[in-house]
Amino acid sequence: VCPEDVSQIFEFRRQGRDWTGYEGLSVSGLDVVFENYM
């Protein structure tokens, strides 16, 4: 899940902590995801 303000992405990524979109995935219909992280 990306920061709402994408200009914050560099400082966001430097802390090395990414949020996973569990809520969105729960309604995606997906059974398997080849997850490539960032």
Full PDB file with SEQRES, HELIX, SHEET, SSBOND, CRYST1, ORIGX, SCALE, CONECT and MASTER records, all heavy atoms in Angstrom:
SEQRES   1 A   38  VAL CYS PRO GLU ASP VAL SER GLN ILE PHE GLU PHE ARG          
SEQRES   2 A   38  ARG GLN GLY ARG ASP TRP THR GLY TYR GLU GLY LEU SER          
SEQRES   3 A   38  VAL SER GLY LEU ASP VAL VAL PHE GLU ASN TYR MET              
HELIX    1 AA1 VAL A    6  GLN A    8  5                                   3    
HELIX    2 AA2 ILE A    9  ARG A   14  1                                   6    
HELIX    3 AA3 TYR A   22  LEU A   25  1                                   4    
CRYST1    1.000    1.000    1.000  90.00  90.00  90.00 P 1           1          
ORIGX1      1.000000  0.000000  0.000000        0.00000                         
ORIGX2      0.000000  1.000000  0.000000        0.00000                         
ORIGX3      0.000000  0.000000  1.000000        0.00000                         
SCALE1      1.000000  0.000000  0.000000        0.00000                         
SCALE2      0.000000  1.000000  0.000000        0.00000                         
SCALE3      0.000000  0.000000  1.000000        0.00000                         
ATOM      1  N   VAL A   1       0.861  -1.186   0.000  1.00  0.00           N  
ATOM      2  CA  VAL A   1       0.000   0.000   0.000  1.00  0.00           C  
ATOM      3  C   VAL A   1       0.892   1.229   0.000  1.00  0.00           C  
ATOM      4  O   VAL A   1       1.705   1.439   0.908  1.00  0.00           O  
ATOM      5  CB  VAL A   1      -0.935   0.020   1.219  1.00  0.00           C  
ATOM      6  CG1 VAL A   1      -1.923   1.178   1.098  1.00  0.00           C  
ATOM      7  CG2 VAL A   1      -1.675  -1.305   1.361  1.00  0.00           C  
ATOM      8  N   CYS A   2       0.729   2.043  -1.019  1.00  0.00           N  
ATOM      9  CA  CYS A   2       1.556   3.232  -1.223  1.00  0.00           C  
ATOM     10  C   CYS A   2       1.124   4.369  -0.288  1.00  0.00           C  
ATOM     11  O   CYS A   2      -0.053   4.471   0.063  1.00  0.00           O  
ATOM     12  CB  CYS A   2       1.384   3.659  -2.685  1.00  0.00           C  
ATOM     13  SG  CYS A   2       2.311   5.114  -3.155  1.00  0.00           S  
ATOM     14  N   PRO A   3       2.033   5.234   0.120  1.00  0.00           N  
ATOM     15  CA  PRO A   3       1.610   6.436   0.842  1.00  0.00           C  
ATOM     16  C   PRO A   3       0.615   7.240   0.013  1.00  0.00           C  
ATOM     17  O   PRO A   3       0.709   7.287  -1.226  1.00  0.00           O  
ATOM     18  CB  PRO A   3       2.914   7.214   1.039  1.00  0.00           C  
ATOM     19  CG  PRO A   3       3.997   6.202   0.934  1.00  0.00           C  
ATOM     20  CD  PRO A   3       3.501   5.178  -0.045  1.00  0.00           C  
ATOM     21  N   GLU A   4      -0.329   7.845   0.688  1.00  0.00           N  
ATOM     22  CA  GLU A   4      -1.312   8.681  -0.005  1.00  0.00           C  
ATOM     23  C   GLU A   4      -0.630   9.785  -0.789  1.00  0.00           C  
ATOM     24  O   GLU A   4      -1.014  10.111  -1.915  1.00  0.00           O  
ATOM     25  CB  GLU A   4      -2.269   9.259   1.041  1.00  0.00           C  
ATOM     26  CG  GLU A   4      -3.513   9.893   0.478  1.00  0.00           C  
ATOM     27  CD  GLU A   4      -4.458  10.272   1.596  1.00  0.00           C  
ATOM     28  OE1 GLU A   4      -4.112  11.161   2.398  1.00  0.00           O  
ATOM     29  OE2 GLU A   4      -5.544   9.661   1.682  1.00  0.00           O  
ATOM     30  N   ASP A   5       0.406  10.369  -0.212  1.00  0.00           N  
ATOM     31  CA  ASP A   5       1.219  11.392  -0.875  1.00  0.00           C  
ATOM     32  C   ASP A   5       2.453  10.693  -1.440  1.00  0.00           C  
ATOM     33  O   ASP A   5       3.388  10.358  -0.702  1.00  0.00           O  
ATOM     34  CB  ASP A   5       1.620  12.475   0.129  1.00  0.00           C  
ATOM     35  CG  ASP A   5       2.497  13.565  -0.481  1.00  0.00           C  
ATOM     36  OD1 ASP A   5       2.850  13.461  -1.674  1.00  0.00           O  
ATOM     37  OD2 ASP A   5       2.847  14.513   0.260  1.00  0.00           O  
ATOM     38  N   VAL A   6       2.466  10.450  -2.758  1.00  0.00           N  
ATOM     39  CA  VAL A   6       3.553   9.649  -3.342  1.00  0.00           C  
ATOM     40  C   VAL A   6       4.907  10.337  -3.246  1.00  0.00           C  
ATOM     41  O   VAL A   6       5.939   9.674  -3.349  1.00  0.00           O  
ATOM     42  CB  VAL A   6       3.260   9.287  -4.821  1.00  0.00           C  
ATOM     43  CG1 VAL A   6       2.092   8.331  -4.924  1.00  0.00           C  
ATOM     44  CG2 VAL A   6       3.029  10.527  -5.667  1.00  0.00           C  
ATOM     45  N   SER A   7       4.916  11.658  -3.017  1.00  0.00           N  
ATOM     46  CA  SER A   7       6.198  12.354  -2.869  1.00  0.00           C  
ATOM     47  C   SER A   7       6.931  11.917  -1.603  1.00  0.00           C  
ATOM     48  O   SER A   7       8.129  12.164  -1.448  1.00  0.00           O  
ATOM     49  CB  SER A   7       5.994  13.870  -2.859  1.00  0.00           C  
ATOM     50  OG  SER A   7       5.366  14.293  -1.666  1.00  0.00           O  
ATOM     51  N   GLN A   8       6.229  11.227  -0.696  1.00  0.00           N  
ATOM     52  CA  GLN A   8       6.852  10.737   0.535  1.00  0.00           C  
ATOM     53  C   GLN A   8       7.485   9.359   0.369  1.00  0.00           C  
ATOM     54  O   GLN A   8       8.020   8.808   1.336  1.00  0.00           O  
ATOM     55  CB  GLN A   8       5.801  10.669   1.648  1.00  0.00           C  
ATOM     56  CG  GLN A   8       5.204  12.002   2.059  1.00  0.00           C  
ATOM     57  CD  GLN A   8       4.138  11.837   3.137  1.00  0.00           C  
ATOM     58  OE1 GLN A   8       3.383  10.863   3.138  1.00  0.00           O  
ATOM     59  NE2 GLN A   8       4.084  12.790   4.059  1.00  0.00           N  
ATOM     60  N   ILE A   9       7.445   8.818  -0.830  1.00  0.00           N  
ATOM     61  CA  ILE A   9       7.828   7.415  -1.010  1.00  0.00           C  
ATOM     62  C   ILE A   9       9.285   7.152  -0.659  1.00  0.00           C  
ATOM     63  O   ILE A   9       9.628   6.093  -0.130  1.00  0.00           O  
ATOM     64  CB  ILE A   9       7.519   6.920  -2.453  1.00  0.00           C  
ATOM     65  CG1 ILE A   9       7.672   5.398  -2.567  1.00  0.00           C  
ATOM     66  CG2 ILE A   9       8.377   7.640  -3.475  1.00  0.00           C  
ATOM     67  CD1 ILE A   9       6.687   4.604  -1.751  1.00  0.00           C  
ATOM     68  N   PHE A  10      10.189   8.108  -0.912  1.00  0.00           N  
ATOM     69  CA  PHE A  10      11.599   7.857  -0.613  1.00  0.00           C  
ATOM     70  C   PHE A  10      11.830   7.711   0.886  1.00  0.00           C  
ATOM     71  O   PHE A  10      12.474   6.767   1.341  1.00  0.00           O  
ATOM     72  CB  PHE A  10      12.475   8.963  -1.204  1.00  0.00           C  
ATOM     73  CG  PHE A  10      12.681   8.843  -2.684  1.00  0.00           C  
ATOM     74  CD1 PHE A  10      11.923   9.602  -3.568  1.00  0.00           C  
ATOM     75  CD2 PHE A  10      13.620   7.968  -3.205  1.00  0.00           C  
ATOM     76  CE1 PHE A  10      12.091   9.483  -4.935  1.00  0.00           C  
ATOM     77  CE2 PHE A  10      13.809   7.843  -4.575  1.00  0.00           C  
ATOM     78  CZ  PHE A  10      13.038   8.601  -5.445  1.00  0.00           C  
ATOM     79  N   GLU A  11      11.305   8.641   1.682  1.00  0.00           N  
ATOM     80  CA  GLU A  11      11.483   8.525   3.127  1.00  0.00           C  
ATOM     81  C   GLU A  11      10.702   7.329   3.667  1.00  0.00           C  
ATOM     82  O   GLU A  11      11.140   6.662   4.609  1.00  0.00           O  
ATOM     83  CB  GLU A  11      11.058   9.821   3.835  1.00  0.00           C  
ATOM     84  CG  GLU A  11       9.634  10.250   3.586  1.00  0.00           C  
ATOM     85  CD  GLU A  11       9.321  11.581   4.266  1.00  0.00           C  
ATOM     86  OE1 GLU A  11       8.922  11.552   5.450  1.00  0.00           O  
ATOM     87  OE2 GLU A  11       9.446  12.631   3.605  1.00  0.00           O  
ATOM     88  N   PHE A  12       9.545   7.044   3.067  1.00  0.00           N  
ATOM     89  CA  PHE A  12       8.738   5.886   3.463  1.00  0.00           C  
ATOM     90  C   PHE A  12       9.522   4.596   3.251  1.00  0.00           C  
ATOM     91  O   PHE A  12       9.572   3.716   4.123  1.00  0.00           O  
ATOM     92  CB  PHE A  12       7.447   5.883   2.643  1.00  0.00           C  
ATOM     93  CG  PHE A  12       6.545   4.705   2.885  1.00  0.00           C  
ATOM     94  CD1 PHE A  12       5.704   4.669   3.981  1.00  0.00           C  
ATOM     95  CD2 PHE A  12       6.518   3.647   1.985  1.00  0.00           C  
ATOM     96  CE1 PHE A  12       4.859   3.583   4.205  1.00  0.00           C  
ATOM     97  CE2 PHE A  12       5.676   2.564   2.190  1.00  0.00           C  
ATOM     98  CZ  PHE A  12       4.846   2.534   3.303  1.00  0.00           C  
ATOM     99  N   ARG A  13      10.161   4.475   2.095  1.00  0.00           N  
ATOM    100  CA  ARG A  13      10.894   3.250   1.787  1.00  0.00           C  
ATOM    101  C   ARG A  13      12.169   3.117   2.622  1.00  0.00           C  
ATOM    102  O   ARG A  13      12.627   2.011   2.893  1.00  0.00           O  
ATOM    103  CB  ARG A  13      11.254   3.213   0.294  1.00  0.00           C  
ATOM    104  CG  ARG A  13      10.087   2.958  -0.638  1.00  0.00           C  
ATOM    105  CD  ARG A  13       9.480   1.574  -0.410  1.00  0.00           C  
ATOM    106  NE  ARG A  13      10.375   0.508  -0.821  1.00  0.00           N  
ATOM    107  CZ  ARG A  13      10.691  -0.545  -0.078  1.00  0.00           C  
ATOM    108  NH1 ARG A  13      10.205  -0.687   1.126  1.00  0.00           N  
ATOM    109  NH2 ARG A  13      11.499  -1.476  -0.541  1.00  0.00           N  
ATOM    110  N   ARG A  14      12.753   4.242   3.030  1.00  0.00           N  
ATOM    111  CA  ARG A  14      14.003   4.157   3.801  1.00  0.00           C  
ATOM    112  C   ARG A  14      13.810   3.501   5.160  1.00  0.00           C  
ATOM    113  O   ARG A  14      14.760   2.973   5.726  1.00  0.00           O  
ATOM    114  CB  ARG A  14      14.615   5.558   3.975  1.00  0.00           C  
ATOM    115  CG  ARG A  14      15.365   6.021   2.740  1.00  0.00           C  
ATOM    116  CD  ARG A  14      16.201   7.261   2.980  1.00  0.00           C  
ATOM    117  NE  ARG A  14      16.499   7.874   1.705  1.00  0.00           N  
ATOM    118  CZ  ARG A  14      15.868   8.927   1.204  1.00  0.00           C  
ATOM    119  NH1 ARG A  14      14.896   9.502   1.907  1.00  0.00           N  
ATOM    120  NH2 ARG A  14      16.190   9.416   0.033  1.00  0.00           N  
ATOM    121  N   GLN A  15      12.591   3.547   5.693  1.00  0.00           N  
ATOM    122  CA  GLN A  15      12.391   2.871   6.980  1.00  0.00           C  
ATOM    123  C   GLN A  15      12.209   1.362   6.798  1.00  0.00           C  
ATOM    124  O   GLN A  15      12.180   0.615   7.770  1.00  0.00           O  
ATOM    125  CB  GLN A  15      11.219   3.483   7.740  1.00  0.00           C  
ATOM    126  CG  GLN A  15       9.841   3.147   7.207  1.00  0.00           C  
ATOM    127  CD  GLN A  15       8.728   3.618   8.159  1.00  0.00           C  
ATOM    128  OE1 GLN A  15       8.969   3.946   9.313  1.00  0.00           O  
ATOM    129  NE2 GLN A  15       7.512   3.650   7.652  1.00  0.00           N  
ATOM    130  N   GLY A  16      12.120   0.921   5.547  1.00  0.00           N  
ATOM    131  CA  GLY A  16      12.104  -0.516   5.274  1.00  0.00           C  
ATOM    132  C   GLY A  16      10.892  -1.237   5.817  1.00  0.00           C  
ATOM    133  O   GLY A  16      10.988  -2.390   6.242  1.00  0.00           O  
ATOM    134  N   ARG A  17       9.728  -0.612   5.742  1.00  0.00           N  
ATOM    135  CA  ARG A  17       8.527  -1.232   6.299  1.00  0.00           C  
ATOM    136  C   ARG A  17       7.362  -0.980   5.350  1.00  0.00           C  
ATOM    137  O   ARG A  17       6.864   0.134   5.261  1.00  0.00           O  
ATOM    138  CB  ARG A  17       8.247  -0.646   7.684  1.00  0.00           C  
ATOM    139  CG  ARG A  17       7.159  -1.380   8.458  1.00  0.00           C  
ATOM    140  CD  ARG A  17       6.994  -0.795   9.854  1.00  0.00           C  
ATOM    141  NE  ARG A  17       8.174  -0.981  10.681  1.00  0.00           N  
ATOM    142  CZ  ARG A  17       8.492  -2.099  11.332  1.00  0.00           C  
ATOM    143  NH1 ARG A  17       7.679  -3.151  11.240  1.00  0.00           N  
ATOM    144  NH2 ARG A  17       9.570  -2.184  12.074  1.00  0.00           N  
ATOM    145  N   ASP A  18       6.946  -2.010   4.630  1.00  0.00           N  
ATOM    146  CA  ASP A  18       5.844  -1.888   3.670  1.00  0.00           C  
ATOM    147  C   ASP A  18       4.581  -2.538   4.209  1.00  0.00           C  
ATOM    148  O   ASP A  18       4.622  -3.631   4.776  1.00  0.00           O  
ATOM    149  CB  ASP A  18       6.210  -2.553   2.339  1.00  0.00           C  
ATOM    150  CG  ASP A  18       7.051  -1.647   1.456  1.00  0.00           C  
ATOM    151  OD1 ASP A  18       7.028  -0.429   1.680  1.00  0.00           O  
ATOM    152  OD2 ASP A  18       7.721  -2.176   0.555  1.00  0.00           O  
ATOM    153  N   TRP A  19       3.461  -1.858   4.000  1.00  0.00           N  
ATOM    154  CA  TRP A  19       2.154  -2.378   4.378  1.00  0.00           C  
ATOM    155  C   TRP A  19       1.588  -3.225   3.243  1.00  0.00           C  
ATOM    156  O   TRP A  19       1.713  -2.877   2.064  1.00  0.00           O  
ATOM    157  CB  TRP A  19       1.196  -1.217   4.664  1.00  0.00           C  
ATOM    158  CG  TRP A  19       1.238  -0.708   6.068  1.00  0.00           C  
ATOM    159  CD1 TRP A  19       0.230  -0.779   6.986  1.00  0.00           C  
ATOM    160  CD2 TRP A  19       2.329  -0.046   6.728  1.00  0.00           C  
ATOM    161  NE1 TRP A  19       0.632  -0.210   8.179  1.00  0.00           N  
ATOM    162  CE2 TRP A  19       1.918   0.251   8.055  1.00  0.00           C  
ATOM    163  CE3 TRP A  19       3.622   0.309   6.348  1.00  0.00           C  
ATOM    164  CZ2 TRP A  19       2.729   0.883   8.978  1.00  0.00           C  
ATOM    165  CZ3 TRP A  19       4.446   0.939   7.260  1.00  0.00           C  
ATOM    166  CH2 TRP A  19       3.991   1.225   8.555  1.00  0.00           C  
ATOM    167  N   THR A  20       0.955  -4.338   3.567  1.00  0.00           N  
ATOM    168  CA  THR A  20       0.314  -5.226   2.601  1.00  0.00           C  
ATOM    169  C   THR A  20      -1.178  -4.922   2.558  1.00  0.00           C  
ATOM    170  O   THR A  20      -1.802  -4.709   3.602  1.00  0.00           O  
ATOM    171  CB  THR A  20       0.533  -6.700   2.996  1.00  0.00           C  
ATOM    172  OG1 THR A  20       1.937  -6.963   3.058  1.00  0.00           O  
ATOM    173  CG2 THR A  20      -0.112  -7.642   1.990  1.00  0.00           C  
ATOM    174  N   GLY A  21      -1.756  -4.915   1.356  1.00  0.00           N  
ATOM    175  CA  GLY A  21      -3.164  -4.567   1.199  1.00  0.00           C  
ATOM    176  C   GLY A  21      -4.100  -5.734   1.472  1.00  0.00           C  
ATOM    177  O   GLY A  21      -4.815  -6.192   0.568  1.00  0.00           O  
ATOM    178  N   TYR A  22      -4.145  -6.179   2.708  1.00  0.00           N  
ATOM    179  CA  TYR A  22      -4.965  -7.346   3.053  1.00  0.00           C  
ATOM    180  C   TYR A  22      -6.451  -7.112   2.772  1.00  0.00           C  
ATOM    181  O   TYR A  22      -7.144  -7.996   2.254  1.00  0.00           O  
ATOM    182  CB  TYR A  22      -4.787  -7.713   4.528  1.00  0.00           C  
ATOM    183  CG  TYR A  22      -3.385  -8.092   4.910  1.00  0.00           C  
ATOM    184  CD1 TYR A  22      -2.645  -7.303   5.793  1.00  0.00           C  
ATOM    185  CD2 TYR A  22      -2.788  -9.245   4.412  1.00  0.00           C  
ATOM    186  CE1 TYR A  22      -1.350  -7.646   6.158  1.00  0.00           C  
ATOM    187  CE2 TYR A  22      -1.496  -9.601   4.767  1.00  0.00           C  
ATOM    188  CZ  TYR A  22      -0.775  -8.788   5.639  1.00  0.00           C  
ATOM    189  OH  TYR A  22       0.501  -9.132   5.996  1.00  0.00           O  
ATOM    190  N   GLU A  23      -6.935  -5.931   3.117  1.00  0.00           N  
ATOM    191  CA  GLU A  23      -8.355  -5.641   2.888  1.00  0.00           C  
ATOM    192  C   GLU A  23      -8.684  -5.747   1.405  1.00  0.00           C  
ATOM    193  O   GLU A  23      -9.663  -6.391   1.006  1.00  0.00           O  
ATOM    194  CB  GLU A  23      -8.697  -4.246   3.403  1.00  0.00           C  
ATOM    195  CG  GLU A  23     -10.153  -3.852   3.178  1.00  0.00           C  
ATOM    196  CD  GLU A  23     -10.450  -2.406   3.547  1.00  0.00           C  
ATOM    197  OE1 GLU A  23      -9.501  -1.640   3.802  1.00  0.00           O  
ATOM    198  OE2 GLU A  23     -11.645  -2.046   3.553  1.00  0.00           O  
ATOM    199  N   GLY A  24      -7.872  -5.117   0.575  1.00  0.00           N  
ATOM    200  CA  GLY A  24      -8.106  -5.184  -0.862  1.00  0.00           C  
ATOM    201  C   GLY A  24      -7.976  -6.591  -1.405  1.00  0.00           C  
ATOM    202  O   GLY A  24      -8.783  -7.038  -2.230  1.00  0.00           O  
ATOM    203  N   LEU A  25      -6.973  -7.317  -0.934  1.00  0.00           N  
ATOM    204  CA  LEU A  25      -6.772  -8.679  -1.416  1.00  0.00           C  
ATOM    205  C   LEU A  25      -7.930  -9.588  -1.054  1.00  0.00           C  
ATOM    206  O   LEU A  25      -8.243 -10.531  -1.789  1.00  0.00           O  
ATOM    207  CB  LEU A  25      -5.470  -9.247  -0.835  1.00  0.00           C  
ATOM    208  CG  LEU A  25      -4.181  -8.714  -1.463  1.00  0.00           C  
ATOM    209  CD1 LEU A  25      -2.980  -9.131  -0.634  1.00  0.00           C  
ATOM    210  CD2 LEU A  25      -4.033  -9.207  -2.892  1.00  0.00           C  
ATOM    211  N   SER A  26      -8.589  -9.316   0.055  1.00  0.00           N  
ATOM    212  CA  SER A  26      -9.679 -10.186   0.494  1.00  0.00           C  
ATOM    213  C   SER A  26     -10.853 -10.186  -0.475  1.00  0.00           C  
ATOM    214  O   SER A  26     -11.665 -11.114  -0.467  1.00  0.00           O  
ATOM    215  CB  SER A  26     -10.152  -9.775   1.895  1.00  0.00           C  
ATOM    216  OG  SER A  26     -10.868  -8.548   1.868  1.00  0.00           O  
ATOM    217  N   VAL A  27     -10.952  -9.173  -1.316  1.00  0.00           N  
ATOM    218  CA  VAL A  27     -12.049  -9.110  -2.295  1.00  0.00           C  
ATOM    219  C   VAL A  27     -11.539  -9.224  -3.734  1.00  0.00           C  
ATOM    220  O   VAL A  27     -12.274  -8.953  -4.677  1.00  0.00           O  
ATOM    221  CB  VAL A  27     -12.866  -7.804  -2.123  1.00  0.00           C  
ATOM    222  CG1 VAL A  27     -13.498  -7.763  -0.746  1.00  0.00           C  
ATOM    223  CG2 VAL A  27     -12.013  -6.560  -2.361  1.00  0.00           C  
ATOM    224  N   SER A  28     -10.278  -9.626  -3.905  1.00  0.00           N  
ATOM    225  CA  SER A  28      -9.665  -9.671  -5.235  1.00  0.00           C  
ATOM    226  C   SER A  28     -10.008 -10.929  -6.016  1.00  0.00           C  
ATOM    227  O   SER A  28      -9.836 -10.962  -7.240  1.00  0.00           O  
ATOM    228  CB  SER A  28      -8.141  -9.583  -5.104  1.00  0.00           C  
ATOM    229  OG  SER A  28      -7.624 -10.766  -4.503  1.00  0.00           O  
ATOM    230  N   GLY A  29     -10.428 -11.981  -5.326  1.00  0.00           N  
ATOM    231  CA  GLY A  29     -10.642 -13.265  -5.980  1.00  0.00           C  
ATOM    232  C   GLY A  29      -9.368 -14.046  -6.214  1.00  0.00           C  
ATOM    233  O   GLY A  29      -9.415 -15.175  -6.722  1.00  0.00           O  
ATOM    234  N   LEU A  30      -8.220 -13.488  -5.849  1.00  0.00           N  
ATOM    235  CA  LEU A  30      -6.946 -14.154  -6.091  1.00  0.00           C  
ATOM    236  C   LEU A  30      -6.727 -15.292  -5.094  1.00  0.00           C  
ATOM    237  O   LEU A  30      -6.984 -15.153  -3.902  1.00  0.00           O  
ATOM    238  CB  LEU A  30      -5.796 -13.157  -5.989  1.00  0.00           C  
ATOM    239  CG  LEU A  30      -5.627 -12.228  -7.197  1.00  0.00           C  
ATOM    240  CD1 LEU A  30      -4.768 -11.019  -6.847  1.00  0.00           C  
ATOM    241  CD2 LEU A  30      -5.018 -12.995  -8.373  1.00  0.00           C  
ATOM    242  N   ASP A  31      -6.215 -16.409  -5.613  1.00  0.00           N  
ATOM    243  CA  ASP A  31      -5.838 -17.549  -4.785  1.00  0.00           C  
ATOM    244  C   ASP A  31      -4.332 -17.616  -4.573  1.00  0.00           C  
ATOM    245  O   ASP A  31      -3.863 -18.091  -3.540  1.00  0.00           O  
ATOM    246  CB  ASP A  31      -6.287 -18.863  -5.444  1.00  0.00           C  
ATOM    247  CG  ASP A  31      -7.789 -18.929  -5.616  1.00  0.00           C  
ATOM    248  OD1 ASP A  31      -8.513 -18.743  -4.615  1.00  0.00           O  
ATOM    249  OD2 ASP A  31      -8.243 -19.150  -6.752  1.00  0.00           O  
ATOM    250  N   VAL A  32      -3.572 -17.168  -5.578  1.00  0.00           N  
ATOM    251  CA  VAL A  32      -2.114 -17.212  -5.530  1.00  0.00           C  
ATOM    252  C   VAL A  32      -1.570 -15.906  -6.105  1.00  0.00           C  
ATOM    253  O   VAL A  32      -2.017 -15.465  -7.173  1.00  0.00           O  
ATOM    254  CB  VAL A  32      -1.536 -18.394  -6.342  1.00  0.00           C  
ATOM    255  CG1 VAL A  32      -0.030 -18.486  -6.164  1.00  0.00           C  
ATOM    256  CG2 VAL A  32      -2.211 -19.712  -5.959  1.00  0.00           C  
ATOM    257  N   VAL A  33      -0.621 -15.308  -5.399  1.00  0.00           N  
ATOM    258  CA  VAL A  33       0.030 -14.086  -5.863  1.00  0.00           C  
ATOM    259  C   VAL A  33       1.535 -14.316  -5.868  1.00  0.00           C  
ATOM    260  O   VAL A  33       2.110 -14.696  -4.841  1.00  0.00           O  
ATOM    261  CB  VAL A  33      -0.303 -12.892  -4.942  1.00  0.00           C  
ATOM    262  CG1 VAL A  33       0.504 -11.662  -5.359  1.00  0.00           C  
ATOM    263  CG2 VAL A  33      -1.792 -12.580  -4.981  1.00  0.00           C  
ATOM    264  N   PHE A  34       2.169 -14.104  -6.998  1.00  0.00           N  
ATOM    265  CA  PHE A  34       3.631 -14.077  -7.051  1.00  0.00           C  
ATOM    266  C   PHE A  34       4.030 -12.662  -6.631  1.00  0.00           C  
ATOM    267  O   PHE A  34       3.990 -11.726  -7.420  1.00  0.00           O  
ATOM    268  CB  PHE A  34       4.125 -14.428  -8.456  1.00  0.00           C  
ATOM    269  CG  PHE A  34       4.040 -15.900  -8.765  1.00  0.00           C  
ATOM    270  CD1 PHE A  34       2.805 -16.522  -8.904  1.00  0.00           C  
ATOM    271  CD2 PHE A  34       5.186 -16.667  -8.892  1.00  0.00           C  
ATOM    272  CE1 PHE A  34       2.707 -17.881  -9.177  1.00  0.00           C  
ATOM    273  CE2 PHE A  34       5.100 -18.033  -9.160  1.00  0.00           C  
ATOM    274  CZ  PHE A  34       3.862 -18.642  -9.303  1.00  0.00           C  
ATOM    275  N   GLU A  35       4.346 -12.539  -5.347  1.00  0.00           N  
ATOM    276  CA  GLU A  35       4.583 -11.244  -4.709  1.00  0.00           C  
ATOM    277  C   GLU A  35       6.040 -10.834  -4.897  1.00  0.00           C  
ATOM    278  O   GLU A  35       6.958 -11.564  -4.504  1.00  0.00           O  
ATOM    279  CB  GLU A  35       4.228 -11.329  -3.223  1.00  0.00           C  
ATOM    280  CG  GLU A  35       4.622 -10.133  -2.404  1.00  0.00           C  
ATOM    281  CD  GLU A  35       3.994  -8.833  -2.891  1.00  0.00           C  
ATOM    282  OE1 GLU A  35       2.776  -8.790  -3.140  1.00  0.00           O  
ATOM    283  OE2 GLU A  35       4.752  -7.850  -3.019  1.00  0.00           O  
ATOM    284  N   ASN A  36       6.246  -9.668  -5.487  1.00  0.00           N  
ATOM    285  CA  ASN A  36       7.593  -9.202  -5.816  1.00  0.00           C  
ATOM    286  C   ASN A  36       8.103  -8.097  -4.909  1.00  0.00           C  
ATOM    287  O   ASN A  36       9.129  -7.492  -5.189  1.00  0.00           O  
ATOM    288  CB  ASN A  36       7.635  -8.750  -7.280  1.00  0.00           C  
ATOM    289  CG  ASN A  36       7.689  -9.925  -8.230  1.00  0.00           C  
ATOM    290  OD1 ASN A  36       8.747 -10.282  -8.721  1.00  0.00           O  
ATOM    291  ND2 ASN A  36       6.548 -10.543  -8.479  1.00  0.00           N  
ATOM    292  N   TYR A  37       7.378  -7.816  -3.829  1.00  0.00           N  
ATOM    293  CA  TYR A  37       7.845  -6.852  -2.846  1.00  0.00           C  
ATOM    294  C   TYR A  37       8.255  -5.549  -3.551  1.00  0.00           C  
ATOM    295  O   TYR A  37       7.693  -5.209  -4.577  1.00  0.00           O  
ATOM    296  CB  TYR A  37       8.946  -7.471  -1.981  1.00  0.00           C  
ATOM    297  CG  TYR A  37       8.490  -8.775  -1.363  1.00  0.00           C  
ATOM    298  CD1 TYR A  37       8.742 -10.000  -1.987  1.00  0.00           C  
ATOM    299  CD2 TYR A  37       7.736  -8.779  -0.201  1.00  0.00           C  
ATOM    300  CE1 TYR A  37       8.283 -11.196  -1.439  1.00  0.00           C  
ATOM    301  CE2 TYR A  37       7.263  -9.966   0.350  1.00  0.00           C  
ATOM    302  CZ  TYR A  37       7.538 -11.165  -0.278  1.00  0.00           C  
ATOM    303  OH  TYR A  37       7.068 -12.343   0.246  1.00  0.00           O  
ATOM    304  N   MET A  38       9.230  -4.836  -3.019  1.00  0.00           N  
ATOM    305  CA  MET A  38       9.621  -3.559  -3.643  1.00  0.00           C  
ATOM    306  C   MET A  38      11.136  -3.398  -3.630  1.00  0.00           C  
ATOM    307  O   MET A  38      11.672  -2.331  -3.337  1.00  0.00           O  
ATOM    308  CB  MET A  38       8.953  -2.395  -2.901  1.00  0.00           C  
ATOM    309  CG  MET A  38       7.453  -2.304  -3.080  1.00  0.00           C  
ATOM    310  SD  MET A  38       6.941  -1.924  -4.769  1.00  0.00           S  
ATOM    311  CE  MET A  38       7.431  -0.201  -4.881  1.00  0.00           C  
TER     312      MET A  38                                                      
MASTER        0    0    0    3    0    0    0    6  311    1    0    3          
END                                                                             
